[in-house]
Amino acid sequence: MKAVILVGGEGTRLRPLTCNRPKAMVPVLNTPFLEHVIHHLARHQVREIVLAMGHLAQPIEGYLGDGSRFGVRLSYVVEEAPLGTAGAIKNAEKYLDDTFLALNGDIFADLDITAMASFHRQCRAKVTIALTPVDDPTQYGLVETDERGRILRFVEKPSPEEITTNRVNAGTYVIEPDVLAQIPPGTNVSIERETFPRLLASGEPVYAYPSSGYWMDTGTPEKYLQLHRDLLSGRSGYYPLAGEVVTGEGCHIHPSAQIRGPVVIGSNCTIDRDVRIIGPVVIGNGCTVLEGALVGDSVIWLSLIHI
């Protein structure tokens, strides 16, 4: 199965972290966010990936290249003007000749993509939408289903009185290629607010795949920090070294420094005399923590103009 990852957003909610770099390249555990997503897809045998890009496209392609070092083949499509989620997928249509996966590029999830694709085929669905439970559905797109998982209706950012379920759109979809014929080319179209409701209204089989695995929308600095807390504490099965102290190559750590995990220290870092680091903490490559500093519950990295 092929996949389209939507990485064209400007990341305005994540500023100032995205002032000088695309949102997809913001580091998570000292690795670009998008690289984590690609590794997750590869583990589920997704080998051909299309990156639908817009804002700051060059740093992404410059870092990822053709994808061979990640075990995948990458293709790139760049929109000249914002096309929305459906328009961005439509822009990649020439690569999509069979059932494909589409996902928002700012979601970190443990979703079982293999099981979701199997469910999609069993239901003979036109579209299958991953769902995840959240504490506050008013911030997301609520999805109501019948007992078989067929979607009955969408409620975008419901009021408290409209809440009938805590399961919301998780931003990952399995889509049949003929759905693309319903999206006009070169037009800003939302797949969540326009395409999916239109399919539902015309009686097409649109199904939901519920997941109880870890899920995080990393669109704000607060959620970005929470993602690191969760990964370092083991709330997600993604990071096998949760709770430990992990140090990269070329680091200089003074013997008097005290480091209590979970902590990840990148390559070529300097930790000076009498520094105390109390996890959860991630320190990026090339950082220096000066004498006597106390660091806790933090993600620290160098802000570079170029990736």
C-alpha atoms as a PDB file:
ATOM      1  CA  MET A   1       0.000   0.000   0.000  1.00  0.00           C
ATOM      2  CA  LYS A   2       1.141   3.546  -0.781  1.00  0.00           C
ATOM      3  CA  ALA A   3       0.773   6.475   1.587  1.00  0.00           C
ATOM      4  CA  VAL A   4       0.354  10.234   1.263  1.00  0.00           C
ATOM      5  CA  ILE A   5       1.599  12.330   4.175  1.00  0.00           C
ATOM      6  CA  LEU A   6       0.235  15.867   4.369  1.00  0.00           C
ATOM      7  CA  VAL A   7       3.140  18.119   5.380  1.00  0.00           C
ATOM      8  CA  GLY A   8       2.182  21.372   3.680  1.00  0.00           C
ATOM      9  CA  GLY A   9       0.974  23.315   6.713  1.00  0.00           C
ATOM     10  CA  GLU A  10       2.817  26.364   8.004  1.00  0.00           C
ATOM     11  CA  GLY A  11       2.765  25.161  11.610  1.00  0.00           C
ATOM     12  CA  THR A  12       1.465  28.488  12.915  1.00  0.00           C
ATOM     13  CA  ARG A  13       0.125  26.931  16.133  1.00  0.00           C
ATOM     14  CA  LEU A  14       3.560  25.498  16.888  1.00  0.00           C
ATOM     15  CA  ARG A  15       5.428  28.803  16.660  1.00  0.00           C
ATOM     16  CA  PRO A  16       8.042  29.860  17.632  1.00  0.00           C
ATOM     17  CA  LEU A  17       9.389  26.325  17.086  1.00  0.00           C
ATOM     18  CA  THR A  18       8.438  26.535  13.400  1.00  0.00           C
ATOM     19  CA  CYS A  19       9.684  30.016  12.599  1.00  0.00           C
ATOM     20  CA  ASN A  20      12.832  28.720  10.866  1.00  0.00           C
ATOM     21  CA  ARG A  21      11.951  25.139  10.024  1.00  0.00           C
ATOM     22  CA  PRO A  22       8.966  23.190   8.665  1.00  0.00           C
ATOM     23  CA  LYS A  23       6.727  21.546  11.236  1.00  0.00           C
ATOM     24  CA  ALA A  24       7.583  18.109   9.859  1.00  0.00           C
ATOM     25  CA  MET A  25      11.260  18.674  10.694  1.00  0.00           C
ATOM     26  CA  VAL A  26      10.791  19.694  14.323  1.00  0.00           C
ATOM     27  CA  PRO A  27      12.792  17.131  16.343  1.00  0.00           C
ATOM     28  CA  VAL A  28      11.170  14.491  18.538  1.00  0.00           C
ATOM     29  CA  LEU A  29      13.728  12.649  20.684  1.00  0.00           C
ATOM     30  CA  ASN A  30      16.336  14.421  18.509  1.00  0.00           C
ATOM     31  CA  THR A  31      14.996  12.936  15.269  1.00  0.00           C
ATOM     32  CA  PRO A  32      12.809  14.911  12.811  1.00  0.00           C
ATOM     33  CA  PHE A  33       9.139  14.228  13.454  1.00  0.00           C
ATOM     34  CA  LEU A  34       8.515  13.116   9.887  1.00  0.00           C
ATOM     35  CA  GLU A  35      11.258  10.497  10.110  1.00  0.00           C
ATOM     36  CA  HIS A  36       9.366   8.826  12.987  1.00  0.00           C
ATOM     37  CA  VAL A  37       6.224   8.736  10.847  1.00  0.00           C
ATOM     38  CA  ILE A  38       8.104   7.181   7.927  1.00  0.00           C
ATOM     39  CA  HIS A  39       9.629   4.496  10.152  1.00  0.00           C
ATOM     40  CA  HIS A  40       6.161   3.648  11.497  1.00  0.00           C
ATOM     41  CA  LEU A  41       4.788   3.262   7.969  1.00  0.00           C
ATOM     42  CA  ALA A  42       7.754   1.114   6.931  1.00  0.00           C
ATOM     43  CA  ARG A  43       7.128  -1.231   9.863  1.00  0.00           C
ATOM     44  CA  HIS A  44       3.689  -1.842   8.350  1.00  0.00           C
ATOM     45  CA  GLN A  45       5.173  -2.601   4.924  1.00  0.00           C
ATOM     46  CA  VAL A  46       4.309   0.769   3.390  1.00  0.00           C
ATOM     47  CA  ARG A  47       7.200   1.215   0.968  1.00  0.00           C
ATOM     48  CA  GLU A  48       6.017   4.006  -1.352  1.00  0.00           C
ATOM     49  CA  ILE A  49       5.273   7.362   0.250  1.00  0.00           C
ATOM     50  CA  VAL A  50       4.251  10.655  -1.317  1.00  0.00           C
ATOM     51  CA  LEU A  51       4.936  13.834   0.634  1.00  0.00           C
ATOM     52  CA  ALA A  52       2.352  16.525  -0.147  1.00  0.00           C
ATOM     53  CA  MET A  53       4.252  19.718   0.633  1.00  0.00           C
ATOM     54  CA  GLY A  54       3.936  23.467   0.517  1.00  0.00           C
ATOM     55  CA  HIS A  55       5.602  25.663   3.125  1.00  0.00           C
ATOM     56  CA  LEU A  56       9.406  25.258   3.442  1.00  0.00           C
ATOM     57  CA  ALA A  57       9.519  22.204   1.197  1.00  0.00           C
ATOM     58  CA  GLN A  58      13.238  22.273   0.410  1.00  0.00           C
ATOM     59  CA  PRO A  59      14.552  21.350   3.890  1.00  0.00           C
ATOM     60  CA  ILE A  60      12.301  18.283   3.945  1.00  0.00           C
ATOM     61  CA  GLU A  61      13.452  16.941   0.584  1.00  0.00           C
ATOM     62  CA  GLY A  62      17.043  17.892   1.332  1.00  0.00           C
ATOM     63  CA  TYR A  63      17.055  15.795   4.497  1.00  0.00           C
ATOM     64  CA  LEU A  64      14.986  12.788   3.384  1.00  0.00           C
ATOM     65  CA  GLY A  65      16.204  12.438  -0.200  1.00  0.00           C
ATOM     66  CA  ASP A  66      14.747   9.482  -2.086  1.00  0.00           C
ATOM     67  CA  GLY A  67      13.934   7.635   1.153  1.00  0.00           C
ATOM     68  CA  SER A  68      16.282   4.702   0.513  1.00  0.00           C
ATOM     69  CA  ARG A  69      18.088   5.047   3.855  1.00  0.00           C
ATOM     70  CA  PHE A  70      14.712   4.580   5.579  1.00  0.00           C
ATOM     71  CA  GLY A  71      13.731   1.555   3.509  1.00  0.00           C
ATOM     72  CA  VAL A  72      11.082   3.388   1.463  1.00  0.00           C
ATOM     73  CA  ARG A  73      10.738   5.237  -1.825  1.00  0.00           C
ATOM     74  CA  LEU A  74       9.764   8.891  -1.470  1.00  0.00           C
ATOM     75  CA  SER A  75       8.083  11.118  -4.027  1.00  0.00           C
ATOM     76  CA  TYR A  76       7.351  14.819  -3.601  1.00  0.00           C
ATOM     77  CA  VAL A  77       4.518  17.045  -4.770  1.00  0.00           C
ATOM     78  CA  VAL A  78       4.494  20.760  -3.939  1.00  0.00           C
ATOM     79  CA  GLU A  79       1.382  22.919  -4.022  1.00  0.00           C
ATOM     80  CA  GLU A  80       1.790  26.473  -5.311  1.00  0.00           C
ATOM     81  CA  ALA A  81      -1.077  27.716  -3.140  1.00  0.00           C
ATOM     82  CA  PRO A  82      -2.786  26.098  -0.116  1.00  0.00           C
ATOM     83  CA  LEU A  83      -5.112  23.329  -1.304  1.00  0.00           C
ATOM     84  CA  GLY A  84      -6.546  21.996   1.950  1.00  0.00           C
ATOM     85  CA  THR A  85      -6.366  18.360   2.963  1.00  0.00           C
ATOM     86  CA  ALA A  86      -8.393  16.976   0.047  1.00  0.00           C
ATOM     87  CA  GLY A  87      -6.773  19.282  -2.493  1.00  0.00           C
ATOM     88  CA  ALA A  88      -3.302  18.244  -1.341  1.00  0.00           C
ATOM     89  CA  ILE A  89      -4.184  14.559  -1.769  1.00  0.00           C
ATOM     90  CA  LYS A  90      -5.684  15.301  -5.195  1.00  0.00           C
ATOM     91  CA  ASN A  91      -2.403  16.997  -6.113  1.00  0.00           C
ATOM     92  CA  ALA A  92      -0.676  13.619  -5.598  1.00  0.00           C
ATOM     93  CA  GLU A  93      -3.216  11.729  -7.742  1.00  0.00           C
ATOM     94  CA  LYS A  94      -0.733  10.600 -10.397  1.00  0.00           C
ATOM     95  CA  TYR A  95       0.948   8.373  -7.802  1.00  0.00           C
ATOM     96  CA  LEU A  96      -2.276   6.862  -6.428  1.00  0.00           C
ATOM     97  CA  ASP A  97      -3.597   4.055  -8.625  1.00  0.00           C
ATOM     98  CA  ASP A  98      -4.769   1.685  -5.868  1.00  0.00           C
ATOM     99  CA  THR A  99      -6.079   1.719  -2.300  1.00  0.00           C
ATOM    100  CA  PHE A 100      -3.879   4.148  -0.369  1.00  0.00           C
ATOM    101  CA  LEU A 101      -3.258   5.573   3.077  1.00  0.00           C
ATOM    102  CA  ALA A 102      -3.474   9.299   3.800  1.00  0.00           C
ATOM    103  CA  LEU A 103      -2.405  10.882   7.067  1.00  0.00           C
ATOM    104  CA  ASN A 104      -1.901  14.272   8.619  1.00  0.00           C
ATOM    105  CA  GLY A 105       1.782  14.974   9.108  1.00  0.00           C
ATOM    106  CA  ASP A 106       1.493  16.293  12.676  1.00  0.00           C
ATOM    107  CA  ILE A 107      -0.020  13.204  14.339  1.00  0.00           C
ATOM    108  CA  PHE A 108       2.096  10.835  16.441  1.00  0.00           C
ATOM    109  CA  ALA A 109       0.274   7.518  16.893  1.00  0.00           C
ATOM    110  CA  ASP A 110       0.719   3.826  17.627  1.00  0.00           C
ATOM    111  CA  LEU A 111      -2.030   3.022  15.120  1.00  0.00           C
ATOM    112  CA  ASP A 112      -1.985  -0.543  13.751  1.00  0.00           C
ATOM    113  CA  ILE A 113      -2.050   0.371  10.073  1.00  0.00           C
ATOM    114  CA  THR A 114      -1.961  -3.269   8.943  1.00  0.00           C
ATOM    115  CA  ALA A 115      -5.096  -4.116  10.935  1.00  0.00           C
ATOM    116  CA  MET A 116      -6.832  -0.946   9.741  1.00  0.00           C
ATOM    117  CA  ALA A 117      -6.174  -1.790   6.087  1.00  0.00           C
ATOM    118  CA  SER A 118      -7.487  -5.321   6.624  1.00  0.00           C
ATOM    119  CA  PHE A 119     -10.657  -3.935   8.244  1.00  0.00           C
ATOM    120  CA  HIS A 120     -11.119  -1.588   5.271  1.00  0.00           C
ATOM    121  CA  ARG A 121     -10.968  -4.477   2.809  1.00  0.00           C
ATOM    122  CA  GLN A 122     -13.325  -6.670   4.844  1.00  0.00           C
ATOM    123  CA  CYS A 123     -15.931  -3.906   4.968  1.00  0.00           C
ATOM    124  CA  ARG A 124     -15.526  -3.103   1.274  1.00  0.00           C
ATOM    125  CA  ALA A 125     -15.332   0.496   2.386  1.00  0.00           C
ATOM    126  CA  LYS A 126     -14.817   3.473   0.131  1.00  0.00           C
ATOM    127  CA  VAL A 127     -13.050   5.265   2.982  1.00  0.00           C
ATOM    128  CA  THR A 128     -12.023   4.115   6.454  1.00  0.00           C
ATOM    129  CA  ILE A 129     -11.252   6.728   9.090  1.00  0.00           C
ATOM    130  CA  ALA A 130      -9.176   5.984  12.181  1.00  0.00           C
ATOM    131  CA  LEU A 131     -10.813   7.101  15.430  1.00  0.00           C
ATOM    132  CA  THR A 132      -9.240   7.811  18.787  1.00  0.00           C
ATOM    133  CA  PRO A 133     -10.776   8.604  22.201  1.00  0.00           C
ATOM    134  CA  VAL A 134     -10.094  12.075  23.642  1.00  0.00           C
ATOM    135  CA  ASP A 135     -10.979  13.823  26.870  1.00  0.00           C
ATOM    136  CA  ASP A 136     -12.467  16.878  25.157  1.00  0.00           C
ATOM    137  CA  PRO A 137     -14.173  16.148  21.797  1.00  0.00           C
ATOM    138  CA  THR A 138     -15.191  19.810  21.382  1.00  0.00           C
ATOM    139  CA  GLN A 139     -11.743  20.537  19.905  1.00  0.00           C
ATOM    140  CA  TYR A 140     -11.987  17.885  17.182  1.00  0.00           C
ATOM    141  CA  GLY A 141     -14.296  16.233  14.642  1.00  0.00           C
ATOM    142  CA  LEU A 142     -16.658  13.878  16.428  1.00  0.00           C
ATOM    143  CA  VAL A 143     -17.659  10.725  14.477  1.00  0.00           C
ATOM    144  CA  GLU A 144     -20.827   8.709  15.157  1.00  0.00           C
ATOM    145  CA  THR A 145     -21.069   5.094  13.934  1.00  0.00           C
ATOM    146  CA  ASP A 146     -23.466   2.158  14.016  1.00  0.00           C
ATOM    147  CA  GLU A 147     -22.651  -1.130  15.737  1.00  0.00           C
ATOM    148  CA  ARG A 148     -20.760  -2.405  12.659  1.00  0.00           C
ATOM    149  CA  GLY A 149     -18.539   0.653  12.450  1.00  0.00           C
ATOM    150  CA  ARG A 150     -20.276   2.321   9.511  1.00  0.00           C
ATOM    151  CA  ILE A 151     -20.223   6.076   9.954  1.00  0.00           C
ATOM    152  CA  LEU A 152     -23.598   7.746  10.465  1.00  0.00           C
ATOM    153  CA  ARG A 153     -22.591  11.394  10.741  1.00  0.00           C
ATOM    154  CA  PHE A 154     -19.809  13.868  11.427  1.00  0.00           C
ATOM    155  CA  VAL A 155     -20.007  16.689  13.961  1.00  0.00           C
ATOM    156  CA  GLU A 156     -17.162  19.166  13.549  1.00  0.00           C
ATOM    157  CA  LYS A 157     -16.030  20.698  16.865  1.00  0.00           C
ATOM    158  CA  PRO A 158     -19.297  19.879  18.673  1.00  0.00           C
ATOM    159  CA  SER A 159     -20.730  21.900  21.519  1.00  0.00           C
ATOM    160  CA  PRO A 160     -20.921  20.081  24.875  1.00  0.00           C
ATOM    161  CA  GLU A 161     -24.630  19.427  24.221  1.00  0.00           C
ATOM    162  CA  GLU A 162     -23.838  17.671  20.930  1.00  0.00           C
ATOM    163  CA  ILE A 163     -21.342  15.181  22.358  1.00  0.00           C
ATOM    164  CA  THR A 164     -22.571  11.589  21.988  1.00  0.00           C
ATOM    165  CA  THR A 165     -19.175   9.871  21.836  1.00  0.00           C
ATOM    166  CA  ASN A 166     -15.587  10.673  22.796  1.00  0.00           C
ATOM    167  CA  ARG A 167     -14.178   9.144  19.605  1.00  0.00           C
ATOM    168  CA  VAL A 168     -12.863  11.649  17.104  1.00  0.00           C
ATOM    169  CA  ASN A 169     -11.203  11.695  13.715  1.00  0.00           C
ATOM    170  CA  ALA A 170      -7.575  10.642  14.282  1.00  0.00           C
ATOM    171  CA  GLY A 171      -6.263  12.067  10.995  1.00  0.00           C
ATOM    172  CA  THR A 172      -5.423   8.763   9.275  1.00  0.00           C
ATOM    173  CA  TYR A 173      -7.468   7.350   6.384  1.00  0.00           C
ATOM    174  CA  VAL A 174      -7.572   4.389   4.025  1.00  0.00           C
ATOM    175  CA  ILE A 175      -9.035   5.604   0.720  1.00  0.00           C
ATOM    176  CA  GLU A 176     -10.066   4.019  -2.575  1.00  0.00           C
ATOM    177  CA  PRO A 177      -8.548   5.855  -5.554  1.00  0.00           C
ATOM    178  CA  ASP A 178     -11.901   6.598  -7.252  1.00  0.00           C
ATOM    179  CA  VAL A 179     -12.685   8.989  -4.388  1.00  0.00           C
ATOM    180  CA  LEU A 180     -10.173  11.352  -5.986  1.00  0.00           C
ATOM    181  CA  ALA A 181     -12.531  11.872  -8.935  1.00  0.00           C
ATOM    182  CA  GLN A 182     -14.848  13.746  -6.577  1.00  0.00           C
ATOM    183  CA  ILE A 183     -12.183  16.313  -5.640  1.00  0.00           C
ATOM    184  CA  PRO A 184     -11.754  19.200  -8.122  1.00  0.00           C
ATOM    185  CA  PRO A 185      -8.121  19.794  -9.131  1.00  0.00           C
ATOM    186  CA  GLY A 186      -6.288  22.930  -8.060  1.00  0.00           C
ATOM    187  CA  THR A 187      -8.971  23.814  -5.514  1.00  0.00           C
ATOM    188  CA  ASN A 188      -8.792  24.298  -1.756  1.00  0.00           C
ATOM    189  CA  VAL A 189     -10.961  21.475  -0.401  1.00  0.00           C
ATOM    190  CA  SER A 190     -11.174  19.967   3.090  1.00  0.00           C
ATOM    191  CA  ILE A 191     -11.428  16.182   3.098  1.00  0.00           C
ATOM    192  CA  GLU A 192     -12.868  16.210   6.623  1.00  0.00           C
ATOM    193  CA  ARG A 193     -15.481  18.943   6.152  1.00  0.00           C
ATOM    194  CA  GLU A 194     -16.365  18.506   2.478  1.00  0.00           C
ATOM    195  CA  THR A 195     -15.283  15.230   0.847  1.00  0.00           C
ATOM    196  CA  PHE A 196     -16.198  12.754   3.604  1.00  0.00           C
ATOM    197  CA  PRO A 197     -19.635  14.292   4.356  1.00  0.00           C
ATOM    198  CA  ARG A 198     -20.371  14.316   0.614  1.00  0.00           C
ATOM    199  CA  LEU A 199     -19.544  10.608   0.353  1.00  0.00           C
ATOM    200  CA  LEU A 200     -21.748   9.910   3.354  1.00  0.00           C
ATOM    201  CA  ALA A 201     -24.662  11.893   1.896  1.00  0.00           C
ATOM    202  CA  SER A 202     -24.448   9.930  -1.360  1.00  0.00           C
ATOM    203  CA  GLY A 203     -24.648   6.594   0.488  1.00  0.00           C
ATOM    204  CA  GLU A 204     -21.065   5.472  -0.037  1.00  0.00           C
ATOM    205  CA  PRO A 205     -19.707   2.997   2.566  1.00  0.00           C
ATOM    206  CA  VAL A 206     -17.578   5.078   4.919  1.00  0.00           C
ATOM    207  CA  TYR A 207     -16.329   3.189   7.970  1.00  0.00           C
ATOM    208  CA  ALA A 208     -14.518   3.962  11.199  1.00  0.00           C
ATOM    209  CA  TYR A 209     -11.627   2.040  12.666  1.00  0.00           C
ATOM    210  CA  PRO A 210     -11.368   2.687  16.427  1.00  0.00           C
ATOM    211  CA  SER A 211      -7.935   2.592  18.026  1.00  0.00           C
ATOM    212  CA  SER A 212      -7.049   2.711  21.706  1.00  0.00           C
ATOM    213  CA  GLY A 213      -3.326   3.110  21.038  1.00  0.00           C
ATOM    214  CA  TYR A 214      -1.296   6.191  21.825  1.00  0.00           C
ATOM    215  CA  TRP A 215      -2.266   9.304  19.850  1.00  0.00           C
ATOM    216  CA  MET A 216      -1.096  12.906  20.025  1.00  0.00           C
ATOM    217  CA  ASP A 217      -1.797  15.930  17.843  1.00  0.00           C
ATOM    218  CA  THR A 218       1.515  17.784  18.175  1.00  0.00           C
ATOM    219  CA  GLY A 219       0.242  21.099  16.829  1.00  0.00           C
ATOM    220  CA  THR A 220       1.125  23.318  19.826  1.00  0.00           C
ATOM    221  CA  PRO A 221       4.246  23.781  21.998  1.00  0.00           C
ATOM    222  CA  GLU A 222       2.327  22.402  24.987  1.00  0.00           C
ATOM    223  CA  LYS A 223       1.413  19.211  23.149  1.00  0.00           C
ATOM    224  CA  TYR A 224       4.920  18.947  21.716  1.00  0.00           C
ATOM    225  CA  LEU A 225       6.314  18.922  25.258  1.00  0.00           C
ATOM    226  CA  GLN A 226       3.616  16.468  26.389  1.00  0.00           C
ATOM    227  CA  LEU A 227       4.575  14.094  23.578  1.00  0.00           C
ATOM    228  CA  HIS A 228       8.116  13.957  24.953  1.00  0.00           C
ATOM    229  CA  ARG A 229       6.860  13.358  28.476  1.00  0.00           C
ATOM    230  CA  ASP A 230       4.707  10.508  27.205  1.00  0.00           C
ATOM    231  CA  LEU A 231       7.420   8.872  25.117  1.00  0.00           C
ATOM    232  CA  LEU A 232      10.033   9.109  27.848  1.00  0.00           C
ATOM    233  CA  SER A 233       7.645   7.674  30.451  1.00  0.00           C
ATOM    234  CA  GLY A 234       6.590   4.731  28.269  1.00  0.00           C
ATOM    235  CA  ARG A 235       2.969   5.755  27.607  1.00  0.00           C
ATOM    236  CA  SER A 236       3.584   4.885  23.967  1.00  0.00           C
ATOM    237  CA  GLY A 237       5.068   1.551  22.941  1.00  0.00           C
ATOM    238  CA  TYR A 238       7.094   3.360  20.291  1.00  0.00           C
ATOM    239  CA  TYR A 239      10.131   4.241  22.420  1.00  0.00           C
ATOM    240  CA  PRO A 240      11.757   1.102  23.918  1.00  0.00           C
ATOM    241  CA  LEU A 241      14.240   2.967  26.161  1.00  0.00           C
ATOM    242  CA  ALA A 242      11.606   4.794  28.235  1.00  0.00           C
ATOM    243  CA  GLY A 243      12.829   5.673  31.716  1.00  0.00           C
ATOM    244  CA  GLU A 244      16.524   5.357  30.908  1.00  0.00           C
ATOM    245  CA  VAL A 245      19.379   7.804  30.417  1.00  0.00           C
ATOM    246  CA  VAL A 246      20.517   7.704  26.792  1.00  0.00           C
ATOM    247  CA  THR A 247      23.587   9.605  25.619  1.00  0.00           C
ATOM    248  CA  GLY A 248      24.710  10.237  22.043  1.00  0.00           C
ATOM    249  CA  GLU A 249      28.215  10.044  20.630  1.00  0.00           C
ATOM    250  CA  GLY A 250      30.911  12.615  21.318  1.00  0.00           C
ATOM    251  CA  CYS A 251      29.428  13.953  24.563  1.00  0.00           C
ATOM    252  CA  HIS A 252      31.500  15.416  27.407  1.00  0.00           C
ATOM    253  CA  ILE A 253      29.778  14.965  30.765  1.00  0.00           C
ATOM    254  CA  HIS A 254      31.584  16.196  33.881  1.00  0.00           C
ATOM    255  CA  PRO A 255      31.894  13.533  36.608  1.00  0.00           C
ATOM    256  CA  SER A 256      30.117  15.813  39.098  1.00  0.00           C
ATOM    257  CA  ALA A 257      26.994  16.106  36.917  1.00  0.00           C
ATOM    258  CA  GLN A 258      23.910  14.338  38.240  1.00  0.00           C
ATOM    259  CA  ILE A 259      21.522  12.903  35.645  1.00  0.00           C
ATOM    260  CA  ARG A 260      18.303  11.140  36.597  1.00  0.00           C
ATOM    261  CA  GLY A 261      16.188   9.605  33.841  1.00  0.00           C
ATOM    262  CA  PRO A 262      14.265   9.558  31.751  1.00  0.00           C
ATOM    263  CA  VAL A 263      16.762  11.656  29.806  1.00  0.00           C
ATOM    264  CA  VAL A 264      17.934  11.705  26.199  1.00  0.00           C
ATOM    265  CA  ILE A 265      21.138  13.635  25.440  1.00  0.00           C
ATOM    266  CA  GLY A 266      22.051  14.120  21.800  1.00  0.00           C
ATOM    267  CA  SER A 267      25.457  13.837  20.129  1.00  0.00           C
ATOM    268  CA  ASN A 268      28.348  16.247  20.790  1.00  0.00           C
ATOM    269  CA  CYS A 269      26.806  17.775  23.903  1.00  0.00           C
ATOM    270  CA  THR A 270      28.681  19.235  26.862  1.00  0.00           C
ATOM    271  CA  ILE A 271      27.329  18.881  30.397  1.00  0.00           C
ATOM    272  CA  ASP A 272      29.415  21.029  32.762  1.00  0.00           C
ATOM    273  CA  ARG A 273      30.418  20.705  36.410  1.00  0.00           C
ATOM    274  CA  ASP A 274      27.647  20.325  39.029  1.00  0.00           C
ATOM    275  CA  VAL A 275      24.827  20.252  36.483  1.00  0.00           C
ATOM    276  CA  ARG A 276      21.649  18.489  37.607  1.00  0.00           C
ATOM    277  CA  ILE A 277      19.334  17.021  34.964  1.00  0.00           C
ATOM    278  CA  ILE A 278      16.086  15.524  36.229  1.00  0.00           C
ATOM    279  CA  GLY A 279      13.927  13.820  33.627  1.00  0.00           C
ATOM    280  CA  PRO A 280      11.855  13.950  31.614  1.00  0.00           C
ATOM    281  CA  VAL A 281      14.421  15.888  29.590  1.00  0.00           C
ATOM    282  CA  VAL A 282      15.628  15.834  25.984  1.00  0.00           C
ATOM    283  CA  ILE A 283      18.764  17.791  25.082  1.00  0.00           C
ATOM    284  CA  GLY A 284      19.432  18.262  21.392  1.00  0.00           C
ATOM    285  CA  ASN A 285      22.619  17.629  19.436  1.00  0.00           C
ATOM    286  CA  GLY A 286      25.433  20.093  20.044  1.00  0.00           C
ATOM    287  CA  CYS A 287      23.959  21.715  23.154  1.00  0.00           C
ATOM    288  CA  THR A 288      25.949  22.876  26.186  1.00  0.00           C
ATOM    289  CA  VAL A 289      24.530  22.952  29.717  1.00  0.00           C
ATOM    290  CA  LEU A 290      26.643  25.325  31.776  1.00  0.00           C
ATOM    291  CA  GLU A 291      28.070  24.847  35.266  1.00  0.00           C
ATOM    292  CA  GLY A 292      25.560  24.546  38.096  1.00  0.00           C
ATOM    293  CA  ALA A 293      22.456  24.533  35.895  1.00  0.00           C
ATOM    294  CA  LEU A 294      19.310  22.623  36.891  1.00  0.00           C
ATOM    295  CA  VAL A 295      17.278  21.225  33.981  1.00  0.00           C
ATOM    296  CA  GLY A 296      13.958  19.430  34.373  1.00  0.00           C
ATOM    297  CA  ASP A 297      10.792  18.725  32.346  1.00  0.00           C
ATOM    298  CA  SER A 298      12.331  20.302  29.253  1.00  0.00           C
ATOM    299  CA  VAL A 299      13.153  19.845  25.593  1.00  0.00           C
ATOM    300  CA  ILE A 300      16.229  21.854  24.571  1.00  0.00           C
ATOM    301  CA  TRP A 301      17.620  22.166  21.064  1.00  0.00           C
ATOM    302  CA  LEU A 302      19.587  24.574  18.948  1.00  0.00           C
ATOM    303  CA  SER A 303      17.476  26.808  16.705  1.00  0.00           C
ATOM    304  CA  LEU A 304      19.153  26.803  13.307  1.00  0.00           C
ATOM    305  CA  ILE A 305      18.261  28.846  10.266  1.00  0.00           C
ATOM    306  CA  HIS A 306      19.067  25.935   7.955  1.00  0.00           C
ATOM    307  CA  ILE A 307      18.416  22.208   8.526  1.00  0.00           C
END
